[in-house]
Amino acid sequence: MNGSASIPEDYIEAVRRSDSCEFARMLGMVVTGIEDGRVRVTMPIRGTRNAHGTTHGGAIFAIADHAFGIAANMEGIDQIAISAHIRYFSVPAGDSLEAVARRVSEGEMTSVYAVDVYSGDRLVAAFEGVGFRTGFPGKAVKPATR
């Protein structure tokens, strides 16, 4: 794992899966902690500037979406995103971003996660993702028929 600091043993596999994500590796994303139901991911922002000279919104979205994906899949039940929404509040001021994801609700087939993205102490964006369970431990969910 990429030097992950505070990862409970129960979640090592979820972090290994996230570390194998080619896109996350390309952007330098690292899981730095899982505690109190929250997943923390950091990413350097070097090389992510847009035409205005600020961090590209796609980079901010990417770290939020990655943290959401890890949080939604921590329990070993595969989930995919079916909806995501982000609100941007400020321009990052530091050299990196930190995304903090937490579960808001969970139903039989869907779940909702909130992710706050920070640059230092500054709240940069708030993300909400809806996950859909594609399986249960050891059992796949059959798609609906028409």
N, C-alpha and C. Protein backbone atom coordinates (compact mmCIF):
# COMPACT_ATOMS: atom_id res chain seq x y z
N MET A 1 0.85 -1.18 0.00
CA MET A 1 0.00 0.00 0.00
C MET A 1 0.88 1.22 0.00
N ASN A 2 0.37 2.30 -0.47
CA ASN A 2 1.12 3.54 -0.66
C ASN A 2 1.43 4.26 0.64
N GLY A 3 2.01 3.59 1.60
CA GLY A 3 2.36 4.27 2.84
C GLY A 3 1.16 4.68 3.65
N SER A 4 0.05 3.97 3.51
CA SER A 4 -1.17 4.30 4.22
C SER A 4 -0.92 4.26 5.72
N ALA A 5 -1.33 5.30 6.43
CA ALA A 5 -0.98 5.46 7.83
C ALA A 5 -1.93 4.75 8.79
N SER A 6 -3.20 5.09 8.77
CA SER A 6 -4.13 4.63 9.79
C SER A 6 -5.23 3.77 9.17
N ILE A 7 -4.87 2.54 8.83
CA ILE A 7 -5.82 1.65 8.17
C ILE A 7 -6.06 0.43 9.05
N PRO A 8 -7.27 0.27 9.60
CA PRO A 8 -7.57 -0.93 10.38
C PRO A 8 -7.45 -2.19 9.52
N GLU A 9 -7.06 -3.27 10.12
CA GLU A 9 -6.84 -4.54 9.43
C GLU A 9 -8.05 -4.97 8.59
N ASP A 10 -9.26 -4.72 9.07
CA ASP A 10 -10.48 -5.11 8.35
C ASP A 10 -10.62 -4.45 6.99
N TYR A 11 -9.91 -3.35 6.78
CA TYR A 11 -10.07 -2.57 5.55
C TYR A 11 -8.86 -2.62 4.63
N ILE A 12 -7.88 -3.43 4.97
CA ILE A 12 -6.66 -3.52 4.16
C ILE A 12 -6.98 -3.91 2.72
N GLU A 13 -7.89 -4.85 2.52
CA GLU A 13 -8.23 -5.29 1.16
C GLU A 13 -8.88 -4.16 0.35
N ALA A 14 -9.75 -3.39 0.96
CA ALA A 14 -10.38 -2.26 0.26
C ALA A 14 -9.32 -1.25 -0.17
N VAL A 15 -8.34 -1.03 0.68
CA VAL A 15 -7.26 -0.09 0.33
C VAL A 15 -6.38 -0.67 -0.77
N ARG A 16 -6.10 -1.96 -0.71
CA ARG A 16 -5.32 -2.60 -1.78
C ARG A 16 -6.03 -2.44 -3.12
N ARG A 17 -7.35 -2.63 -3.11
CA ARG A 17 -8.11 -2.47 -4.35
C ARG A 17 -8.01 -1.04 -4.87
N SER A 18 -8.11 -0.07 -3.97
CA SER A 18 -8.02 1.33 -4.40
C SER A 18 -6.63 1.66 -4.89
N ASP A 19 -5.61 1.08 -4.26
CA ASP A 19 -4.23 1.32 -4.68
C ASP A 19 -3.96 0.73 -6.07
N SER A 20 -4.76 -0.25 -6.48
CA SER A 20 -4.56 -0.85 -7.80
C SER A 20 -5.25 -0.06 -8.90
N CYS A 21 -5.98 0.99 -8.56
CA CYS A 21 -6.69 1.81 -9.54
C CYS A 21 -5.68 2.64 -10.33
N GLU A 22 -5.57 2.36 -11.61
CA GLU A 22 -4.61 3.03 -12.47
C GLU A 22 -4.80 4.55 -12.49
N PHE A 23 -6.04 5.00 -12.57
CA PHE A 23 -6.34 6.44 -12.62
C PHE A 23 -5.92 7.13 -11.31
N ALA A 24 -6.24 6.51 -10.18
CA ALA A 24 -5.87 7.07 -8.88
C ALA A 24 -4.35 7.13 -8.74
N ARG A 25 -3.65 6.10 -9.19
CA ARG A 25 -2.19 6.11 -9.13
C ARG A 25 -1.62 7.22 -10.00
N MET A 26 -2.19 7.39 -11.19
CA MET A 26 -1.72 8.43 -12.11
C MET A 26 -1.82 9.82 -11.46
N LEU A 27 -2.90 10.03 -10.68
CA LEU A 27 -3.10 11.33 -10.03
C LEU A 27 -2.40 11.42 -8.67
N GLY A 28 -1.80 10.34 -8.23
CA GLY A 28 -1.07 10.35 -6.96
C GLY A 28 -1.94 10.25 -5.73
N MET A 29 -3.13 9.67 -5.88
CA MET A 29 -4.04 9.53 -4.74
C MET A 29 -3.55 8.46 -3.78
N VAL A 30 -3.67 8.74 -2.48
CA VAL A 30 -3.24 7.81 -1.44
C VAL A 30 -4.29 7.81 -0.33
N VAL A 31 -4.70 6.62 0.11
CA VAL A 31 -5.56 6.50 1.27
C VAL A 31 -4.68 6.73 2.50
N THR A 32 -5.03 7.73 3.29
CA THR A 32 -4.22 8.05 4.46
C THR A 32 -4.86 7.63 5.77
N GLY A 33 -6.14 7.26 5.73
CA GLY A 33 -6.75 6.80 6.96
C GLY A 33 -8.18 6.33 6.77
N ILE A 34 -8.56 5.39 7.61
CA ILE A 34 -9.94 4.94 7.73
C ILE A 34 -10.21 4.87 9.22
N GLU A 35 -11.11 5.74 9.67
CA GLU A 35 -11.42 5.77 11.10
C GLU A 35 -12.79 6.39 11.32
N ASP A 36 -13.48 5.92 12.33
CA ASP A 36 -14.81 6.44 12.68
C ASP A 36 -15.73 6.48 11.48
N GLY A 37 -15.65 5.47 10.60
CA GLY A 37 -16.52 5.41 9.44
C GLY A 37 -16.16 6.37 8.33
N ARG A 38 -15.01 7.01 8.42
CA ARG A 38 -14.57 7.97 7.40
C ARG A 38 -13.34 7.44 6.67
N VAL A 39 -13.30 7.73 5.38
CA VAL A 39 -12.14 7.39 4.55
C VAL A 39 -11.47 8.70 4.17
N ARG A 40 -10.15 8.76 4.35
CA ARG A 40 -9.37 9.95 3.99
C ARG A 40 -8.42 9.61 2.85
N VAL A 41 -8.46 10.45 1.81
CA VAL A 41 -7.62 10.27 0.63
C VAL A 41 -6.94 11.61 0.34
N THR A 42 -5.64 11.57 0.03
CA THR A 42 -4.94 12.79 -0.36
C THR A 42 -4.45 12.67 -1.79
N MET A 43 -4.20 13.85 -2.38
CA MET A 43 -3.71 13.91 -3.76
C MET A 43 -2.96 15.22 -3.95
N PRO A 44 -1.77 15.17 -4.54
CA PRO A 44 -1.08 16.42 -4.86
C PRO A 44 -1.82 17.12 -5.99
N ILE A 45 -1.78 18.45 -6.04
CA ILE A 45 -2.48 19.16 -7.11
C ILE A 45 -1.54 19.69 -8.19
N ARG A 46 -0.27 19.39 -8.06
CA ARG A 46 0.68 19.79 -9.09
C ARG A 46 0.28 19.16 -10.42
N GLY A 47 0.25 19.97 -11.48
CA GLY A 47 -0.10 19.47 -12.80
C GLY A 47 -1.58 19.39 -13.08
N THR A 48 -2.42 19.97 -12.21
CA THR A 48 -3.88 19.89 -12.42
C THR A 48 -4.51 21.25 -12.71
N ARG A 49 -3.70 22.22 -13.09
CA ARG A 49 -4.24 23.58 -13.31
C ARG A 49 -5.09 23.66 -14.58
N ASN A 50 -6.11 24.51 -14.50
CA ASN A 50 -6.97 24.77 -15.66
C ASN A 50 -6.48 26.06 -16.35
N ALA A 51 -7.23 26.56 -17.31
CA ALA A 51 -6.86 27.76 -18.07
C ALA A 51 -6.83 29.01 -17.20
N HIS A 52 -7.49 28.97 -16.04
CA HIS A 52 -7.49 30.11 -15.12
C HIS A 52 -6.32 30.07 -14.15
N GLY A 53 -5.54 29.00 -14.20
CA GLY A 53 -4.41 28.85 -13.30
C GLY A 53 -4.77 28.28 -11.94
N THR A 54 -6.00 27.78 -11.82
CA THR A 54 -6.44 27.17 -10.56
C THR A 54 -6.62 25.66 -10.77
N THR A 55 -6.83 24.94 -9.70
CA THR A 55 -7.01 23.49 -9.79
C THR A 55 -8.26 23.17 -10.61
N HIS A 56 -8.12 22.31 -11.57
CA HIS A 56 -9.23 21.92 -12.44
C HIS A 56 -10.32 21.24 -11.62
N GLY A 57 -11.57 21.59 -11.91
CA GLY A 57 -12.69 20.98 -11.21
C GLY A 57 -12.74 19.47 -11.38
N GLY A 58 -12.26 18.97 -12.51
CA GLY A 58 -12.23 17.53 -12.74
C GLY A 58 -11.30 16.82 -11.78
N ALA A 59 -10.20 17.47 -11.39
CA ALA A 59 -9.28 16.89 -10.42
C ALA A 59 -9.93 16.82 -9.04
N ILE A 60 -10.66 17.87 -8.69
CA ILE A 60 -11.37 17.91 -7.41
C ILE A 60 -12.45 16.83 -7.39
N PHE A 61 -13.18 16.72 -8.49
CA PHE A 61 -14.21 15.69 -8.59
C PHE A 61 -13.59 14.30 -8.49
N ALA A 62 -12.45 14.12 -9.14
CA ALA A 62 -11.81 12.80 -9.17
C ALA A 62 -11.46 12.31 -7.77
N ILE A 63 -10.87 13.16 -6.93
CA ILE A 63 -10.50 12.70 -5.59
C ILE A 63 -11.75 12.43 -4.75
N ALA A 64 -12.79 13.26 -4.93
CA ALA A 64 -14.04 13.03 -4.20
C ALA A 64 -14.67 11.70 -4.63
N ASP A 65 -14.70 11.44 -5.92
CA ASP A 65 -15.29 10.22 -6.44
C ASP A 65 -14.49 9.00 -5.98
N HIS A 66 -13.19 9.11 -5.94
CA HIS A 66 -12.35 7.99 -5.50
C HIS A 66 -12.59 7.68 -4.02
N ALA A 67 -12.64 8.72 -3.19
CA ALA A 67 -12.90 8.51 -1.75
C ALA A 67 -14.29 7.87 -1.56
N PHE A 68 -15.27 8.34 -2.32
CA PHE A 68 -16.62 7.76 -2.29
C PHE A 68 -16.56 6.27 -2.64
N GLY A 69 -15.84 5.93 -3.71
CA GLY A 69 -15.76 4.54 -4.14
C GLY A 69 -15.13 3.64 -3.08
N ILE A 70 -14.11 4.13 -2.42
CA ILE A 70 -13.47 3.34 -1.37
C ILE A 70 -14.45 3.14 -0.21
N ALA A 71 -15.07 4.24 0.23
CA ALA A 71 -16.00 4.17 1.36
C ALA A 71 -17.16 3.23 1.05
N ALA A 72 -17.69 3.29 -0.17
CA ALA A 72 -18.84 2.47 -0.55
C ALA A 72 -18.49 0.99 -0.65
N ASN A 73 -17.22 0.68 -0.86
CA ASN A 73 -16.81 -0.71 -1.06
C ASN A 73 -16.00 -1.28 0.09
N MET A 74 -15.93 -0.58 1.20
CA MET A 74 -15.13 -1.02 2.34
C MET A 74 -15.60 -2.32 2.96
N GLU A 75 -16.89 -2.58 2.91
CA GLU A 75 -17.43 -3.75 3.60
C GLU A 75 -17.40 -5.01 2.74
N GLY A 76 -16.79 -4.94 1.56
CA GLY A 76 -16.66 -6.11 0.71
C GLY A 76 -17.89 -6.40 -0.14
N ILE A 77 -18.81 -5.48 -0.22
CA ILE A 77 -20.00 -5.62 -1.06
C ILE A 77 -19.83 -4.64 -2.22
N ASP A 78 -19.66 -5.15 -3.42
CA ASP A 78 -19.39 -4.29 -4.57
C ASP A 78 -20.52 -3.31 -4.81
N GLN A 79 -20.13 -2.05 -4.96
CA GLN A 79 -21.06 -0.98 -5.30
C GLN A 79 -20.45 -0.15 -6.42
N ILE A 80 -21.32 0.37 -7.27
CA ILE A 80 -20.90 1.30 -8.32
C ILE A 80 -21.70 2.59 -8.14
N ALA A 81 -21.16 3.68 -8.65
CA ALA A 81 -21.87 4.96 -8.58
C ALA A 81 -22.97 5.00 -9.62
N ILE A 82 -24.14 5.46 -9.19
CA ILE A 82 -25.22 5.67 -10.16
C ILE A 82 -25.58 7.14 -10.26
N SER A 83 -25.05 7.94 -9.34
CA SER A 83 -25.31 9.38 -9.37
C SER A 83 -24.25 10.08 -8.53
N ALA A 84 -23.87 11.26 -8.97
CA ALA A 84 -22.92 12.07 -8.19
C ALA A 84 -23.20 13.54 -8.45
N HIS A 85 -23.01 14.34 -7.42
CA HIS A 85 -23.21 15.78 -7.51
C HIS A 85 -22.12 16.45 -6.70
N ILE A 86 -21.60 17.55 -7.23
CA ILE A 86 -20.55 18.27 -6.51
C ILE A 86 -20.85 19.77 -6.52
N ARG A 87 -20.52 20.41 -5.41
CA ARG A 87 -20.61 21.87 -5.30
C ARG A 87 -19.22 22.38 -4.98
N TYR A 88 -18.75 23.36 -5.75
CA TYR A 88 -17.43 23.94 -5.53
C TYR A 88 -17.59 25.22 -4.74
N PHE A 89 -16.75 25.39 -3.70
CA PHE A 89 -16.87 26.56 -2.82
C PHE A 89 -15.69 27.51 -2.93
N SER A 90 -14.49 26.98 -3.08
CA SER A 90 -13.32 27.86 -3.11
C SER A 90 -12.20 27.21 -3.90
N VAL A 91 -11.20 28.00 -4.20
CA VAL A 91 -10.03 27.55 -4.95
C VAL A 91 -9.03 26.96 -3.95
N PRO A 92 -8.48 25.78 -4.25
CA PRO A 92 -7.47 25.21 -3.35
C PRO A 92 -6.29 26.16 -3.16
N ALA A 93 -5.79 26.22 -1.92
CA ALA A 93 -4.72 27.15 -1.60
C ALA A 93 -3.39 26.45 -1.35
N GLY A 94 -3.39 25.16 -1.13
CA GLY A 94 -2.17 24.45 -0.78
C GLY A 94 -1.61 23.65 -1.93
N ASP A 95 -0.78 22.67 -1.59
CA ASP A 95 -0.14 21.82 -2.57
C ASP A 95 -0.88 20.51 -2.79
N SER A 96 -1.92 20.27 -1.97
CA SER A 96 -2.62 18.99 -2.07
C SER A 96 -4.08 19.16 -1.68
N LEU A 97 -4.84 18.13 -1.99
CA LEU A 97 -6.24 18.05 -1.60
C LEU A 97 -6.40 16.86 -0.66
N GLU A 98 -7.39 16.95 0.22
CA GLU A 98 -7.77 15.82 1.05
C GLU A 98 -9.28 15.65 0.93
N ALA A 99 -9.71 14.44 0.62
CA ALA A 99 -11.13 14.12 0.55
C ALA A 99 -11.47 13.24 1.75
N VAL A 100 -12.59 13.58 2.42
CA VAL A 100 -13.05 12.82 3.57
C VAL A 100 -14.46 12.33 3.26
N ALA A 101 -14.61 11.00 3.12
CA ALA A 101 -15.89 10.39 2.74
C ALA A 101 -16.52 9.70 3.93
N ARG A 102 -17.86 9.80 4.00
CA ARG A 102 -18.61 9.10 5.06
C ARG A 102 -19.97 8.68 4.51
N ARG A 103 -20.47 7.57 5.04
CA ARG A 103 -21.80 7.10 4.63
C ARG A 103 -22.87 7.94 5.32
N VAL A 104 -23.87 8.36 4.54
CA VAL A 104 -25.00 9.13 5.06
C VAL A 104 -26.19 8.21 5.29
N SER A 105 -26.44 7.31 4.34
CA SER A 105 -27.54 6.36 4.51
C SER A 105 -27.26 5.11 3.67
N GLU A 106 -27.98 4.04 4.05
CA GLU A 106 -27.81 2.80 3.33
C GLU A 106 -29.14 2.06 3.29
N GLY A 107 -29.54 1.68 2.09
CA GLY A 107 -30.73 0.88 1.91
C GLY A 107 -30.34 -0.51 1.46
N GLU A 108 -31.33 -1.28 1.04
CA GLU A 108 -31.06 -2.64 0.60
C GLU A 108 -30.19 -2.68 -0.66
N MET A 109 -30.43 -1.77 -1.60
CA MET A 109 -29.69 -1.78 -2.86
C MET A 109 -28.88 -0.52 -3.12
N THR A 110 -29.17 0.57 -2.41
CA THR A 110 -28.46 1.82 -2.66
C THR A 110 -27.91 2.40 -1.35
N SER A 111 -26.97 3.29 -1.52
CA SER A 111 -26.39 3.98 -0.37
C SER A 111 -26.04 5.40 -0.81
N VAL A 112 -25.92 6.29 0.17
CA VAL A 112 -25.56 7.68 -0.10
C VAL A 112 -24.33 8.02 0.73
N TYR A 113 -23.36 8.66 0.09
CA TYR A 113 -22.13 9.07 0.75
C TYR A 113 -21.90 10.55 0.53
N ALA A 114 -21.38 11.21 1.56
CA ALA A 114 -20.99 12.61 1.48
C ALA A 114 -19.47 12.66 1.53
N VAL A 115 -18.90 13.51 0.70
CA VAL A 115 -17.45 13.68 0.68
C VAL A 115 -17.15 15.17 0.71
N ASP A 116 -16.36 15.59 1.69
CA ASP A 116 -15.87 16.96 1.75
C ASP A 116 -14.44 16.97 1.26
N VAL A 117 -14.12 17.95 0.41
CA VAL A 117 -12.77 18.07 -0.14
C VAL A 117 -12.15 19.34 0.43
N TYR A 118 -10.95 19.19 0.99
CA TYR A 118 -10.25 20.29 1.64
C TYR A 118 -8.91 20.56 0.98
N SER A 119 -8.47 21.80 1.10
CA SER A 119 -7.10 22.19 0.80
C SER A 119 -6.62 22.87 2.08
N GLY A 120 -5.83 22.17 2.86
CA GLY A 120 -5.50 22.65 4.20
C GLY A 120 -6.79 22.68 5.02
N ASP A 121 -7.07 23.82 5.65
CA ASP A 121 -8.30 23.98 6.43
C ASP A 121 -9.47 24.50 5.60
N ARG A 122 -9.23 24.79 4.34
CA ARG A 122 -10.24 25.39 3.47
C ARG A 122 -11.12 24.33 2.82
N LEU A 123 -12.45 24.46 3.00
CA LEU A 123 -13.39 23.57 2.33
C LEU A 123 -13.47 23.99 0.87
N VAL A 124 -13.10 23.11 0.00
CA VAL A 124 -13.06 23.40 -1.43
C VAL A 124 -14.35 22.96 -2.13
N ALA A 125 -14.87 21.79 -1.74
CA ALA A 125 -16.05 21.25 -2.43
C ALA A 125 -16.77 20.26 -1.53
N ALA A 126 -18.06 20.07 -1.82
CA ALA A 126 -18.88 19.05 -1.16
C ALA A 126 -19.48 18.18 -2.26
N PHE A 127 -19.35 16.89 -2.10
CA PHE A 127 -19.75 15.90 -3.10
C PHE A 127 -20.75 14.96 -2.46
N GLU A 128 -21.75 14.54 -3.23
CA GLU A 128 -22.68 13.52 -2.76
C GLU A 128 -22.74 12.45 -3.84
N GLY A 129 -22.54 11.20 -3.43
CA GLY A 129 -22.58 10.10 -4.37
C GLY A 129 -23.60 9.06 -3.94
N VAL A 130 -24.30 8.50 -4.90
CA VAL A 130 -25.25 7.42 -4.65
C VAL A 130 -24.65 6.15 -5.24
N GLY A 131 -24.55 5.14 -4.39
CA GLY A 131 -24.00 3.87 -4.82
C GLY A 131 -25.10 2.84 -5.00
N PHE A 132 -24.87 1.91 -5.93
CA PHE A 132 -25.80 0.81 -6.19
C PHE A 132 -25.05 -0.49 -5.96
N ARG A 133 -25.61 -1.36 -5.14
CA ARG A 133 -24.98 -2.64 -4.85
C ARG A 133 -25.11 -3.56 -6.05
N THR A 134 -23.98 -4.01 -6.53
CA THR A 134 -23.99 -4.95 -7.66
C THR A 134 -23.84 -6.38 -7.17
N GLY A 135 -23.63 -6.54 -5.87
CA GLY A 135 -23.49 -7.88 -5.32
C GLY A 135 -23.48 -7.84 -3.81
N PHE A 136 -23.55 -8.99 -3.22
CA PHE A 136 -23.44 -9.18 -1.79
C PHE A 136 -22.26 -10.12 -1.57
N PRO A 137 -21.72 -10.19 -0.39
CA PRO A 137 -20.57 -11.07 -0.19
C PRO A 137 -20.85 -12.48 -0.71
N GLY A 138 -20.07 -12.87 -1.72
CA GLY A 138 -20.20 -14.21 -2.25
C GLY A 138 -21.42 -14.45 -3.13
N LYS A 139 -22.21 -13.43 -3.43
CA LYS A 139 -23.44 -13.63 -4.20
C LYS A 139 -23.69 -12.42 -5.10
N ALA A 140 -23.84 -12.65 -6.39
CA ALA A 140 -24.11 -11.57 -7.32
C ALA A 140 -25.60 -11.28 -7.38
N VAL A 141 -25.93 -10.03 -7.62
CA VAL A 141 -27.33 -9.64 -7.80
C VAL A 141 -27.65 -9.77 -9.27
N LYS A 142 -28.74 -10.46 -9.59
CA LYS A 142 -29.13 -10.63 -10.98
C LYS A 142 -29.81 -9.34 -11.46
N PRO A 143 -29.46 -8.92 -12.69
CA PRO A 143 -30.11 -7.72 -13.22
C PRO A 143 -31.60 -7.95 -13.46
N ALA A 144 -32.38 -6.89 -13.36
CA ALA A 144 -33.82 -6.99 -13.61
C ALA A 144 -34.06 -7.33 -15.07
N THR A 145 -35.12 -8.07 -15.34
CA THR A 145 -35.49 -8.39 -16.72
C THR A 145 -36.60 -7.47 -17.14
N ARG A 146 -36.74 -7.32 -18.41
CA ARG A 146 -37.78 -6.42 -18.95
C ARG A 146 -39.10 -7.10 -19.03
